[in-house]
Amino acid sequence: MRYAFLILLMLPVLACAESVRLVFAGDVMLADGPGRLITAAGDPLAPFAAILADADYRIGNLECPLATVGKPLESKIYDFRADPRAAIVLKGRFDAMSVANNHSGDYGKAAFLETLATLDGQKIRHVGGGRNLAEAHTPLWIEKKGLRVAVLAYDEFKPRSFEAGADSPGVAWSEDSQVVADIRAARAAGADIVIPFMHWGWEREPQPSARQRRLARLMIDAGADVVVGSHPHVTQGTEIYRGRPIIYSLGNFVFDGFKLPAAKIGWLLRLDVDKHGVPSWLTFAARIDEDGVPHPEPGARTPCGTRSRLVAGGCVNP
């Protein structure tokens, strides 16, 4: 325990002066309980405000359209749609949101386009989806402190009908050959760091599937520096492959309606990146209440690592 705590204290030091601090959050759903809280002038992100503020760039997965138009798809059991005014809680807390997930198209293409426009109106960038196929596969470029980071986002959980077409809006679908090509193209375009942000895996499964493991390794072999995932609604394992970290699922971040205890615990991921990769990374436990609001859990032990290795037993959250 003492060793893990010392590593936690050292993590900021281990990142060199030219490093950039990124934060990734799992599923952020602003309808239902969180939506009612926002309507009542509440802020579901307030408990994590300090941790979010201590980063150069913040990215989450937006697990719902922000729209007033459209109808729910009859083929889906669960569908979400948040009032566009809910986006106000994202402003100043997140710099970009991934829309590469299985709920972005819940209310159809018009609602999806309104979502993109809503994010644009709040000056929040989006990745993993767009008005056409080319835009959906365009990296999110982060340029800070002389470092160029390319974030790519993909969905591989049904329905694939949400996929962007050559001239139609939608999400970036996780087709292996296209993912590899996008990673290599980002590197060729001058990316110092490439990060795929995946929406994958089976819901409520605490361990990554064989498919997730194969694809994670394929992406790193293609040039990714770290792989980050969401979608299963529970956290999954972490590992190091070829000296590069894989965080398979961050679980939920802002989400209500789950009875499963594991679905009420998520991770917020903090990455320090530099031109050589990931000097250090740390996850913060987020305990989610009945309204879908995440709360930090000091003293929780969660996965973390230094360059090329995991810290045995994880780190203690401050």
C-alpha atoms as a PDB file:
ATOM      1  CA  MET A   1       0.000   0.000   0.000  1.00  0.00           C
ATOM      2  CA  ARG A   2       2.815   2.393   0.849  1.00  0.00           C
ATOM      3  CA  TYR A   3       4.451   1.731  -2.533  1.00  0.00           C
ATOM      4  CA  ALA A   4       1.244   2.438  -4.452  1.00  0.00           C
ATOM      5  CA  PHE A   5       0.697   5.666  -2.512  1.00  0.00           C
ATOM      6  CA  LEU A   6       4.248   6.836  -3.281  1.00  0.00           C
ATOM      7  CA  ILE A   7       3.721   6.102  -6.974  1.00  0.00           C
ATOM      8  CA  LEU A   8       0.529   8.172  -6.862  1.00  0.00           C
ATOM      9  CA  LEU A   9       2.454  11.105  -5.428  1.00  0.00           C
ATOM     10  CA  MET A  10       5.130  10.733  -8.090  1.00  0.00           C
ATOM     11  CA  LEU A  11       2.816  10.580 -11.117  1.00  0.00           C
ATOM     12  CA  PRO A  12       2.747  14.353 -11.767  1.00  0.00           C
ATOM     13  CA  VAL A  13       6.534  14.498 -11.417  1.00  0.00           C
ATOM     14  CA  LEU A  14       7.125  11.627 -13.801  1.00  0.00           C
ATOM     15  CA  ALA A  15       5.400  13.553 -16.599  1.00  0.00           C
ATOM     16  CA  CYS A  16       8.016  15.723 -18.242  1.00  0.00           C
ATOM     17  CA  ALA A  17       7.651  19.493 -18.583  1.00  0.00           C
ATOM     18  CA  GLU A  18       6.379  19.192 -22.174  1.00  0.00           C
ATOM     19  CA  SER A  19       3.605  16.758 -21.270  1.00  0.00           C
ATOM     20  CA  VAL A  20      -0.068  17.455 -21.862  1.00  0.00           C
ATOM     21  CA  ARG A  21      -2.703  16.311 -19.376  1.00  0.00           C
ATOM     22  CA  LEU A  22      -5.828  14.763 -20.909  1.00  0.00           C
ATOM     23  CA  VAL A  23      -8.956  13.543 -19.157  1.00  0.00           C
ATOM     24  CA  PHE A  24     -11.355  10.954 -20.586  1.00  0.00           C
ATOM     25  CA  ALA A  25     -14.803  10.236 -19.145  1.00  0.00           C
ATOM     26  CA  GLY A  26     -17.052   7.301 -19.929  1.00  0.00           C
ATOM     27  CA  ASP A  27     -20.749   7.457 -20.757  1.00  0.00           C
ATOM     28  CA  VAL A  28     -22.401  10.836 -20.180  1.00  0.00           C
ATOM     29  CA  MET A  29     -26.203  10.640 -20.516  1.00  0.00           C
ATOM     30  CA  LEU A  30     -28.019  13.942 -19.913  1.00  0.00           C
ATOM     31  CA  ALA A  31     -31.643  12.789 -20.199  1.00  0.00           C
ATOM     32  CA  ASP A  32     -33.847  11.201 -17.497  1.00  0.00           C
ATOM     33  CA  GLY A  33     -32.472  11.730 -13.962  1.00  0.00           C
ATOM     34  CA  PRO A  34     -29.524  13.935 -14.933  1.00  0.00           C
ATOM     35  CA  GLY A  35     -31.827  15.884 -17.262  1.00  0.00           C
ATOM     36  CA  ARG A  36     -34.349  16.522 -14.492  1.00  0.00           C
ATOM     37  CA  LEU A  37     -31.528  17.697 -12.234  1.00  0.00           C
ATOM     38  CA  ILE A  38     -30.266  20.117 -14.894  1.00  0.00           C
ATOM     39  CA  THR A  39     -33.803  21.446 -15.440  1.00  0.00           C
ATOM     40  CA  ALA A  40     -33.929  22.173 -11.712  1.00  0.00           C
ATOM     41  CA  ALA A  41     -30.699  24.204 -12.050  1.00  0.00           C
ATOM     42  CA  GLY A  42     -28.520  21.371 -10.773  1.00  0.00           C
ATOM     43  CA  ASP A  43     -25.122  20.420 -12.133  1.00  0.00           C
ATOM     44  CA  PRO A  44     -24.264  16.693 -12.322  1.00  0.00           C
ATOM     45  CA  LEU A  45     -20.615  17.499 -13.064  1.00  0.00           C
ATOM     46  CA  ALA A  46     -20.064  19.749 -10.054  1.00  0.00           C
ATOM     47  CA  PRO A  47     -18.590  17.014  -7.781  1.00  0.00           C
ATOM     48  CA  PHE A  48     -15.788  16.433 -10.317  1.00  0.00           C
ATOM     49  CA  ALA A  49     -15.228  20.091 -11.191  1.00  0.00           C
ATOM     50  CA  ALA A  50     -11.777  20.288  -9.572  1.00  0.00           C
ATOM     51  CA  ILE A  51     -10.449  17.125 -11.234  1.00  0.00           C
ATOM     52  CA  LEU A  52     -11.819  18.180 -14.613  1.00  0.00           C
ATOM     53  CA  ALA A  53     -10.280  21.633 -14.211  1.00  0.00           C
ATOM     54  CA  ASP A  54      -6.850  20.094 -13.559  1.00  0.00           C
ATOM     55  CA  ALA A  55      -6.379  19.084 -17.195  1.00  0.00           C
ATOM     56  CA  ASP A  56      -5.317  20.654 -20.452  1.00  0.00           C
ATOM     57  CA  TYR A  57      -8.114  18.955 -22.405  1.00  0.00           C
ATOM     58  CA  ARG A  58     -11.233  16.977 -21.418  1.00  0.00           C
ATOM     59  CA  ILE A  59     -13.140  14.447 -23.550  1.00  0.00           C
ATOM     60  CA  GLY A  60     -16.274  12.429 -22.726  1.00  0.00           C
ATOM     61  CA  ASN A  61     -18.670  10.092 -24.492  1.00  0.00           C
ATOM     62  CA  LEU A  62     -22.043  11.770 -25.104  1.00  0.00           C
ATOM     63  CA  GLU A  63     -24.510   8.894 -24.743  1.00  0.00           C
ATOM     64  CA  CYS A  64     -27.600  10.715 -26.038  1.00  0.00           C
ATOM     65  CA  PRO A  65     -28.670  13.169 -28.722  1.00  0.00           C
ATOM     66  CA  LEU A  66     -29.209  16.778 -27.614  1.00  0.00           C
ATOM     67  CA  ALA A  67     -32.261  17.594 -29.671  1.00  0.00           C
ATOM     68  CA  THR A  68     -35.890  18.643 -29.860  1.00  0.00           C
ATOM     69  CA  VAL A  69     -36.751  16.831 -33.087  1.00  0.00           C
ATOM     70  CA  GLY A  70     -37.131  13.230 -34.197  1.00  0.00           C
ATOM     71  CA  LYS A  71     -38.947  10.106 -33.062  1.00  0.00           C
ATOM     72  CA  PRO A  72     -37.509   7.136 -31.144  1.00  0.00           C
ATOM     73  CA  LEU A  73     -36.544   4.164 -33.254  1.00  0.00           C
ATOM     74  CA  GLU A  74     -39.005   1.310 -32.887  1.00  0.00           C
ATOM     75  CA  SER A  75     -36.228  -1.270 -33.104  1.00  0.00           C
ATOM     76  CA  LYS A  76     -34.552  -0.182 -29.847  1.00  0.00           C
ATOM     77  CA  ILE A  77     -35.416  -1.156 -26.271  1.00  0.00           C
ATOM     78  CA  TYR A  78     -33.758   1.896 -24.722  1.00  0.00           C
ATOM     79  CA  ASP A  79     -33.554   5.293 -26.338  1.00  0.00           C
ATOM     80  CA  PHE A  80     -32.434   8.653 -24.961  1.00  0.00           C
ATOM     81  CA  ARG A  81     -32.861  12.270 -25.941  1.00  0.00           C
ATOM     82  CA  ALA A  82     -31.811  15.235 -23.807  1.00  0.00           C
ATOM     83  CA  ASP A  83     -32.951  18.826 -24.076  1.00  0.00           C
ATOM     84  CA  PRO A  84     -30.295  20.827 -25.963  1.00  0.00           C
ATOM     85  CA  ARG A  85     -30.192  23.227 -23.018  1.00  0.00           C
ATOM     86  CA  ALA A  86     -28.576  20.434 -20.998  1.00  0.00           C
ATOM     87  CA  ALA A  87     -25.392  21.069 -22.988  1.00  0.00           C
ATOM     88  CA  ILE A  88     -24.733  24.097 -20.804  1.00  0.00           C
ATOM     89  CA  VAL A  89     -23.352  21.819 -18.071  1.00  0.00           C
ATOM     90  CA  LEU A  90     -20.747  20.492 -20.514  1.00  0.00           C
ATOM     91  CA  LYS A  91     -19.390  23.934 -21.347  1.00  0.00           C
ATOM     92  CA  GLY A  92     -16.244  24.674 -19.404  1.00  0.00           C
ATOM     93  CA  ARG A  93     -16.067  21.081 -18.176  1.00  0.00           C
ATOM     94  CA  PHE A  94     -15.482  19.259 -21.460  1.00  0.00           C
ATOM     95  CA  ASP A  95     -13.629  20.488 -24.522  1.00  0.00           C
ATOM     96  CA  ALA A  96     -14.912  17.722 -26.809  1.00  0.00           C
ATOM     97  CA  MET A  97     -17.397  14.855 -26.820  1.00  0.00           C
ATOM     98  CA  SER A  98     -17.373  11.606 -28.723  1.00  0.00           C
ATOM     99  CA  VAL A  99     -20.622  10.876 -30.520  1.00  0.00           C
ATOM    100  CA  ALA A 100     -19.458   7.425 -31.679  1.00  0.00           C
ATOM    101  CA  ASN A 101     -21.931   5.313 -29.755  1.00  0.00           C
ATOM    102  CA  ASN A 102     -25.118   3.280 -30.109  1.00  0.00           C
ATOM    103  CA  HIS A 103     -27.416   6.046 -28.799  1.00  0.00           C
ATOM    104  CA  SER A 104     -26.378   8.975 -30.998  1.00  0.00           C
ATOM    105  CA  GLY A 105     -28.947   7.952 -33.604  1.00  0.00           C
ATOM    106  CA  ASP A 106     -31.800   7.128 -31.197  1.00  0.00           C
ATOM    107  CA  TYR A 107     -34.041   9.857 -32.622  1.00  0.00           C
ATOM    108  CA  GLY A 108     -32.891   9.802 -36.221  1.00  0.00           C
ATOM    109  CA  LYS A 109     -30.626  11.826 -38.453  1.00  0.00           C
ATOM    110  CA  ALA A 110     -32.277  15.205 -37.879  1.00  0.00           C
ATOM    111  CA  ALA A 111     -31.787  14.855 -34.124  1.00  0.00           C
ATOM    112  CA  PHE A 112     -28.190  13.786 -34.679  1.00  0.00           C
ATOM    113  CA  LEU A 113     -27.530  16.869 -36.795  1.00  0.00           C
ATOM    114  CA  GLU A 114     -29.152  19.052 -34.125  1.00  0.00           C
ATOM    115  CA  THR A 115     -26.810  17.455 -31.580  1.00  0.00           C
ATOM    116  CA  LEU A 116     -23.766  18.425 -33.620  1.00  0.00           C
ATOM    117  CA  ALA A 117     -25.109  21.952 -34.010  1.00  0.00           C
ATOM    118  CA  THR A 118     -25.809  22.175 -30.267  1.00  0.00           C
ATOM    119  CA  LEU A 119     -22.250  21.165 -29.429  1.00  0.00           C
ATOM    120  CA  ASP A 120     -20.910  23.615 -31.998  1.00  0.00           C
ATOM    121  CA  GLY A 121     -23.008  26.350 -30.401  1.00  0.00           C
ATOM    122  CA  GLN A 122     -21.389  25.681 -27.040  1.00  0.00           C
ATOM    123  CA  LYS A 123     -17.940  25.575 -28.704  1.00  0.00           C
ATOM    124  CA  ILE A 124     -17.583  21.934 -27.711  1.00  0.00           C
ATOM    125  CA  ARG A 125     -15.912  19.890 -30.414  1.00  0.00           C
ATOM    126  CA  HIS A 126     -17.096  16.432 -31.452  1.00  0.00           C
ATOM    127  CA  VAL A 127     -15.357  13.328 -32.765  1.00  0.00           C
ATOM    128  CA  GLY A 128     -16.483   9.965 -34.083  1.00  0.00           C
ATOM    129  CA  GLY A 129     -19.430  11.286 -36.042  1.00  0.00           C
ATOM    130  CA  GLY A 130     -20.302  13.935 -38.565  1.00  0.00           C
ATOM    131  CA  ARG A 131     -22.388  15.125 -41.456  1.00  0.00           C
ATOM    132  CA  ASN A 132     -20.779  12.565 -43.757  1.00  0.00           C
ATOM    133  CA  LEU A 133     -18.326   9.667 -43.698  1.00  0.00           C
ATOM    134  CA  ALA A 134     -15.206  11.798 -44.129  1.00  0.00           C
ATOM    135  CA  GLU A 135     -16.152  14.079 -41.243  1.00  0.00           C
ATOM    136  CA  ALA A 136     -17.017  11.115 -39.014  1.00  0.00           C
ATOM    137  CA  HIS A 137     -13.525   9.683 -39.486  1.00  0.00           C
ATOM    138  CA  THR A 138     -11.695  13.000 -39.106  1.00  0.00           C
ATOM    139  CA  PRO A 139      -9.470  13.014 -36.007  1.00  0.00           C
ATOM    140  CA  LEU A 140      -9.983  15.406 -33.149  1.00  0.00           C
ATOM    141  CA  TRP A 141      -6.703  17.325 -33.222  1.00  0.00           C
ATOM    142  CA  ILE A 142      -5.424  18.646 -29.897  1.00  0.00           C
ATOM    143  CA  GLU A 143      -2.429  20.953 -30.140  1.00  0.00           C
ATOM    144  CA  LYS A 144      -0.978  21.945 -26.781  1.00  0.00           C
ATOM    145  CA  LYS A 145       2.545  22.824 -25.627  1.00  0.00           C
ATOM    146  CA  GLY A 146       4.033  21.880 -28.974  1.00  0.00           C
ATOM    147  CA  LEU A 147       2.381  18.434 -28.912  1.00  0.00           C
ATOM    148  CA  ARG A 148      -0.050  17.186 -31.580  1.00  0.00           C
ATOM    149  CA  VAL A 149      -2.547  14.621 -30.323  1.00  0.00           C
ATOM    150  CA  ALA A 150      -5.037  12.871 -32.625  1.00  0.00           C
ATOM    151  CA  VAL A 151      -8.117  11.305 -31.023  1.00  0.00           C
ATOM    152  CA  LEU A 152     -10.214   8.938 -33.146  1.00  0.00           C
ATOM    153  CA  ALA A 153     -13.563   7.577 -31.967  1.00  0.00           C
ATOM    154  CA  TYR A 154     -15.541   4.559 -33.172  1.00  0.00           C
ATOM    155  CA  ASP A 155     -18.719   2.669 -32.393  1.00  0.00           C
ATOM    156  CA  GLU A 156     -18.998  -1.061 -32.908  1.00  0.00           C
ATOM    157  CA  PHE A 157     -22.185  -1.788 -30.992  1.00  0.00           C
ATOM    158  CA  LYS A 158     -25.425  -2.227 -32.940  1.00  0.00           C
ATOM    159  CA  PRO A 159     -27.288  -0.840 -34.773  1.00  0.00           C
ATOM    160  CA  ARG A 160     -24.887  -0.244 -37.596  1.00  0.00           C
ATOM    161  CA  SER A 161     -27.621   1.751 -39.318  1.00  0.00           C
ATOM    162  CA  PHE A 162     -26.241   4.769 -37.396  1.00  0.00           C
ATOM    163  CA  GLU A 163     -23.063   4.618 -39.508  1.00  0.00           C
ATOM    164  CA  ALA A 164     -22.251   7.714 -41.554  1.00  0.00           C
ATOM    165  CA  GLY A 165     -22.472   7.389 -45.321  1.00  0.00           C
ATOM    166  CA  ALA A 166     -20.551   9.131 -48.067  1.00  0.00           C
ATOM    167  CA  ASP A 167     -23.174  11.887 -48.123  1.00  0.00           C
ATOM    168  CA  SER A 168     -25.260  11.129 -45.027  1.00  0.00           C
ATOM    169  CA  PRO A 169     -24.752  11.907 -41.322  1.00  0.00           C
ATOM    170  CA  GLY A 170     -23.890   9.339 -38.681  1.00  0.00           C
ATOM    171  CA  VAL A 171     -21.144   7.826 -36.560  1.00  0.00           C
ATOM    172  CA  ALA A 172     -17.764   6.315 -37.401  1.00  0.00           C
ATOM    173  CA  TRP A 173     -18.174   2.554 -37.460  1.00  0.00           C
ATOM    174  CA  SER A 174     -15.381   0.338 -36.143  1.00  0.00           C
ATOM    175  CA  GLU A 175     -14.318  -1.521 -39.271  1.00  0.00           C
ATOM    176  CA  ASP A 176     -10.847  -2.946 -38.569  1.00  0.00           C
ATOM    177  CA  SER A 177      -9.250  -2.003 -41.884  1.00  0.00           C
ATOM    178  CA  GLN A 178     -10.637   1.541 -41.677  1.00  0.00           C
ATOM    179  CA  VAL A 179      -9.522   1.978 -38.061  1.00  0.00           C
ATOM    180  CA  VAL A 180      -5.991   0.878 -38.955  1.00  0.00           C
ATOM    181  CA  ALA A 181      -5.960   3.198 -41.980  1.00  0.00           C
ATOM    182  CA  ASP A 182      -7.166   6.138 -39.853  1.00  0.00           C
ATOM    183  CA  ILE A 183      -4.481   5.548 -37.221  1.00  0.00           C
ATOM    184  CA  ARG A 184      -1.745   5.364 -39.845  1.00  0.00           C
ATOM    185  CA  ALA A 185      -3.114   8.459 -41.618  1.00  0.00           C
ATOM    186  CA  ALA A 186      -3.118  10.437 -38.356  1.00  0.00           C
ATOM    187  CA  ARG A 187       0.481   9.434 -37.703  1.00  0.00           C
ATOM    188  CA  ALA A 188       1.461  10.361 -41.259  1.00  0.00           C
ATOM    189  CA  ALA A 189      -0.270  13.734 -40.793  1.00  0.00           C
ATOM    190  CA  GLY A 190       2.088  14.565 -37.935  1.00  0.00           C
ATOM    191  CA  ALA A 191       0.420  13.194 -34.813  1.00  0.00           C
ATOM    192  CA  ASP A 192       2.832  12.744 -31.908  1.00  0.00           C
ATOM    193  CA  ILE A 193       0.174  10.768 -30.033  1.00  0.00           C
ATOM    194  CA  VAL A 194      -2.755   8.763 -31.418  1.00  0.00           C
ATOM    195  CA  ILE A 195      -5.622   7.716 -29.144  1.00  0.00           C
ATOM    196  CA  PRO A 196      -8.563   5.570 -30.306  1.00  0.00           C
ATOM    197  CA  PHE A 197     -11.635   6.100 -28.072  1.00  0.00           C
ATOM    198  CA  MET A 198     -13.773   2.994 -28.547  1.00  0.00           C
ATOM    199  CA  HIS A 199     -17.441   2.213 -27.895  1.00  0.00           C
ATOM    200  CA  TRP A 200     -17.294  -1.562 -27.689  1.00  0.00           C
ATOM    201  CA  GLY A 201     -17.758  -4.741 -25.667  1.00  0.00           C
ATOM    202  CA  TRP A 202     -20.725  -6.497 -24.089  1.00  0.00           C
ATOM    203  CA  GLU A 203     -22.873  -4.664 -21.581  1.00  0.00           C
ATOM    204  CA  ARG A 204     -22.422  -5.490 -17.877  1.00  0.00           C
ATOM    205  CA  GLU A 205     -19.427  -7.760 -18.572  1.00  0.00           C
ATOM    206  CA  PRO A 206     -16.579  -7.030 -16.104  1.00  0.00           C
ATOM    207  CA  GLN A 207     -13.859  -8.367 -18.398  1.00  0.00           C
ATOM    208  CA  PRO A 208     -13.055  -7.398 -22.001  1.00  0.00           C
ATOM    209  CA  SER A 209     -14.031  -9.837 -24.709  1.00  0.00           C
ATOM    210  CA  ALA A 210     -11.572 -11.646 -26.961  1.00  0.00           C
ATOM    211  CA  ARG A 211     -12.707  -9.284 -29.731  1.00  0.00           C
ATOM    212  CA  GLN A 212     -11.783  -6.211 -27.662  1.00  0.00           C
ATOM    213  CA  ARG A 213      -8.371  -7.642 -26.837  1.00  0.00           C
ATOM    214  CA  ARG A 214      -7.602  -8.490 -30.470  1.00  0.00           C
ATOM    215  CA  LEU A 215      -8.673  -5.086 -31.731  1.00  0.00           C
ATOM    216  CA  ALA A 216      -6.792  -3.222 -28.999  1.00  0.00           C
ATOM    217  CA  ARG A 217      -3.583  -4.986 -29.969  1.00  0.00           C
ATOM    218  CA  LEU A 218      -4.257  -4.392 -33.669  1.00  0.00           C
ATOM    219  CA  MET A 219      -4.627  -0.657 -33.029  1.00  0.00           C
ATOM    220  CA  ILE A 220      -1.416  -0.477 -31.028  1.00  0.00           C
ATOM    221  CA  ASP A 221       0.411  -2.475 -33.694  1.00  0.00           C
ATOM    222  CA  ALA A 222      -0.888   0.118 -36.204  1.00  0.00           C
ATOM    223  CA  GLY A 223       0.550   2.987 -34.175  1.00  0.00           C
ATOM    224  CA  ALA A 224      -1.860   3.885 -31.348  1.00  0.00           C
ATOM    225  CA  ASP A 225      -0.177   5.043 -28.131  1.00  0.00           C
ATOM    226  CA  VAL A 226      -3.060   4.239 -25.772  1.00  0.00           C
ATOM    227  CA  VAL A 227      -6.518   2.727 -26.218  1.00  0.00           C
ATOM    228  CA  VAL A 228      -9.504   3.947 -24.196  1.00  0.00           C
ATOM    229  CA  GLY A 229     -12.953   2.350 -24.153  1.00  0.00           C
ATOM    230  CA  SER A 230     -16.520   2.745 -22.964  1.00  0.00           C
ATOM    231  CA  HIS A 231     -20.008   1.224 -23.490  1.00  0.00           C
ATOM    232  CA  PRO A 232     -20.302  -1.861 -21.209  1.00  0.00           C
ATOM    233  CA  HIS A 233     -21.743   0.330 -18.371  1.00  0.00           C
ATOM    234  CA  VAL A 234     -19.213  -1.266 -16.015  1.00  0.00           C
ATOM    235  CA  THR A 235     -15.474  -0.823 -15.727  1.00  0.00           C
ATOM    236  CA  GLN A 236     -13.292  -3.507 -17.274  1.00  0.00           C
ATOM    237  CA  GLY A 237      -9.649  -4.499 -17.048  1.00  0.00           C
ATOM    238  CA  THR A 238      -6.513  -2.591 -17.928  1.00  0.00           C
ATOM    239  CA  GLU A 239      -3.238  -3.876 -19.307  1.00  0.00           C
ATOM    240  CA  ILE A 240       0.004  -2.895 -21.007  1.00  0.00           C
ATOM    241  CA  TYR A 241       0.742  -4.142 -24.517  1.00  0.00           C
ATOM    242  CA  ARG A 242       4.075  -3.297 -26.153  1.00  0.00           C
ATOM    243  CA  GLY A 243       4.614  -0.662 -23.470  1.00  0.00           C
ATOM    244  CA  ARG A 244       1.284   1.069 -24.156  1.00  0.00           C
ATOM    245  CA  PRO A 245      -1.761   1.138 -21.877  1.00  0.00           C
ATOM    246  CA  ILE A 246      -5.208  -0.207 -22.689  1.00  0.00           C
ATOM    247  CA  ILE A 247      -8.133   0.897 -20.516  1.00  0.00           C
ATOM    248  CA  TYR A 248     -10.918  -1.315 -21.810  1.00  0.00           C
ATOM    249  CA  SER A 249     -13.931   0.404 -20.260  1.00  0.00           C
ATOM    250  CA  LEU A 250     -14.356   3.500 -18.119  1.00  0.00           C
ATOM    251  CA  GLY A 251     -17.933   2.501 -17.340  1.00  0.00           C
ATOM    252  CA  ASN A 252     -20.616   5.078 -16.641  1.00  0.00           C
ATOM    253  CA  PHE A 253     -19.891   8.646 -15.616  1.00  0.00           C
ATOM    254  CA  VAL A 254     -23.229  10.509 -15.683  1.00  0.00           C
ATOM    255  CA  PHE A 255     -26.027   7.933 -15.941  1.00  0.00           C
ATOM    256  CA  ASP A 256     -29.023   6.787 -13.917  1.00  0.00           C
ATOM    257  CA  GLY A 257     -31.410   3.841 -13.985  1.00  0.00           C
ATOM    258  CA  PHE A 258     -28.991   1.026 -13.150  1.00  0.00           C
ATOM    259  CA  LYS A 259     -29.621  -1.424 -10.299  1.00  0.00           C
ATOM    260  CA  LEU A 260     -26.404  -3.381 -10.828  1.00  0.00           C
ATOM    261  CA  PRO A 261     -23.878  -2.162  -8.215  1.00  0.00           C
ATOM    262  CA  ALA A 262     -20.982  -2.412 -10.700  1.00  0.00           C
ATOM    263  CA  ALA A 263     -22.793  -0.003 -13.046  1.00  0.00           C
ATOM    264  CA  LYS A 264     -22.768   2.634 -10.318  1.00  0.00           C
ATOM    265  CA  ILE A 265     -18.967   2.811 -10.278  1.00  0.00           C
ATOM    266  CA  GLY A 266     -17.065   4.447 -13.137  1.00  0.00           C
ATOM    267  CA  TRP A 267     -13.548   5.683 -13.742  1.00  0.00           C
ATOM    268  CA  LEU A 268     -12.369   9.088 -14.858  1.00  0.00           C
ATOM    269  CA  LEU A 269      -9.077   8.629 -16.708  1.00  0.00           C
ATOM    270  CA  ARG A 270      -6.219  11.118 -16.491  1.00  0.00           C
ATOM    271  CA  LEU A 271      -3.426  10.696 -19.042  1.00  0.00           C
ATOM    272  CA  ASP A 272      -0.161  12.599 -19.143  1.00  0.00           C
ATOM    273  CA  VAL A 273       1.207  12.337 -22.688  1.00  0.00           C
ATOM    274  CA  ASP A 274       4.402  13.537 -24.338  1.00  0.00           C
ATOM    275  CA  LYS A 275       6.266  12.924 -27.577  1.00  0.00           C
ATOM    276  CA  HIS A 276       7.352   9.509 -26.314  1.00  0.00           C
ATOM    277  CA  GLY A 277       3.930   8.225 -25.319  1.00  0.00           C
ATOM    278  CA  VAL A 278       2.268   8.043 -21.911  1.00  0.00           C
ATOM    279  CA  PRO A 279       4.630   8.763 -18.990  1.00  0.00           C
ATOM    280  CA  SER A 280       1.847   8.265 -16.449  1.00  0.00           C
ATOM    281  CA  TRP A 281      -1.876   7.639 -16.121  1.00  0.00           C
ATOM    282  CA  LEU A 282      -4.364   7.401 -13.304  1.00  0.00           C
ATOM    283  CA  THR A 283      -8.040   6.556 -12.868  1.00  0.00           C
ATOM    284  CA  PHE A 284     -10.345   8.224 -10.352  1.00  0.00           C
ATOM    285  CA  ALA A 285     -13.314   6.311  -8.944  1.00  0.00           C
ATOM    286  CA  ALA A 286     -16.717   7.863  -9.580  1.00  0.00           C
ATOM    287  CA  ARG A 287     -19.576   6.569  -7.433  1.00  0.00           C
ATOM    288  CA  ILE A 288     -22.882   7.359  -9.149  1.00  0.00           C
ATOM    289  CA  ASP A 289     -25.936   8.237  -7.072  1.00  0.00           C
ATOM    290  CA  GLU A 290     -29.630   7.620  -7.819  1.00  0.00           C
ATOM    291  CA  ASP A 291     -29.852  10.822  -9.886  1.00  0.00           C
ATOM    292  CA  GLY A 292     -26.983   9.669 -12.088  1.00  0.00           C
ATOM    293  CA  VAL A 293     -24.481  12.101 -10.540  1.00  0.00           C
ATOM    294  CA  PRO A 294     -20.858  10.911 -10.102  1.00  0.00           C
ATOM    295  CA  HIS A 295     -19.044  11.590  -6.825  1.00  0.00           C
ATOM    296  CA  PRO A 296     -15.296  11.174  -6.170  1.00  0.00           C
ATOM    297  CA  GLU A 297     -14.413   8.423  -3.720  1.00  0.00           C
ATOM    298  CA  PRO A 298     -11.237   9.347  -1.802  1.00  0.00           C
ATOM    299  CA  GLY A 299      -9.315   6.315  -0.646  1.00  0.00           C
ATOM    300  CA  ALA A 300     -10.564   4.085  -3.465  1.00  0.00           C
ATOM    301  CA  ARG A 301      -7.901   2.006  -5.155  1.00  0.00           C
ATOM    302  CA  THR A 302      -8.055   2.169  -8.956  1.00  0.00           C
ATOM    303  CA  PRO A 303      -5.765   1.229 -11.865  1.00  0.00           C
ATOM    304  CA  CYS A 304      -2.815   3.458 -12.710  1.00  0.00           C
ATOM    305  CA  GLY A 305       0.586   3.189 -14.323  1.00  0.00           C
ATOM    306  CA  THR A 306       3.870   4.759 -15.234  1.00  0.00           C
ATOM    307  CA  ARG A 307       5.507   4.466 -18.624  1.00  0.00           C
ATOM    308  CA  SER A 308       5.343   0.887 -19.869  1.00  0.00           C
ATOM    309  CA  ARG A 309       4.059  -0.670 -16.642  1.00  0.00           C
ATOM    310  CA  LEU A 310       1.040  -1.035 -14.396  1.00  0.00           C
ATOM    311  CA  VAL A 311       1.347  -0.149 -10.720  1.00  0.00           C
ATOM    312  CA  ALA A 312       0.685  -3.356  -8.776  1.00  0.00           C
ATOM    313  CA  GLY A 313      -2.543  -3.030  -6.835  1.00  0.00           C
ATOM    314  CA  GLY A 314      -3.397   0.318  -8.373  1.00  0.00           C
ATOM    315  CA  CYS A 315      -3.206   3.758  -6.784  1.00  0.00           C
ATOM    316  CA  VAL A 316      -5.116   5.258  -3.881  1.00  0.00           C
ATOM    317  CA  ASN A 317      -7.407   8.097  -4.951  1.00  0.00           C
ATOM    318  CA  PRO A 318      -6.566  11.350  -3.163  1.00  0.00           C
END
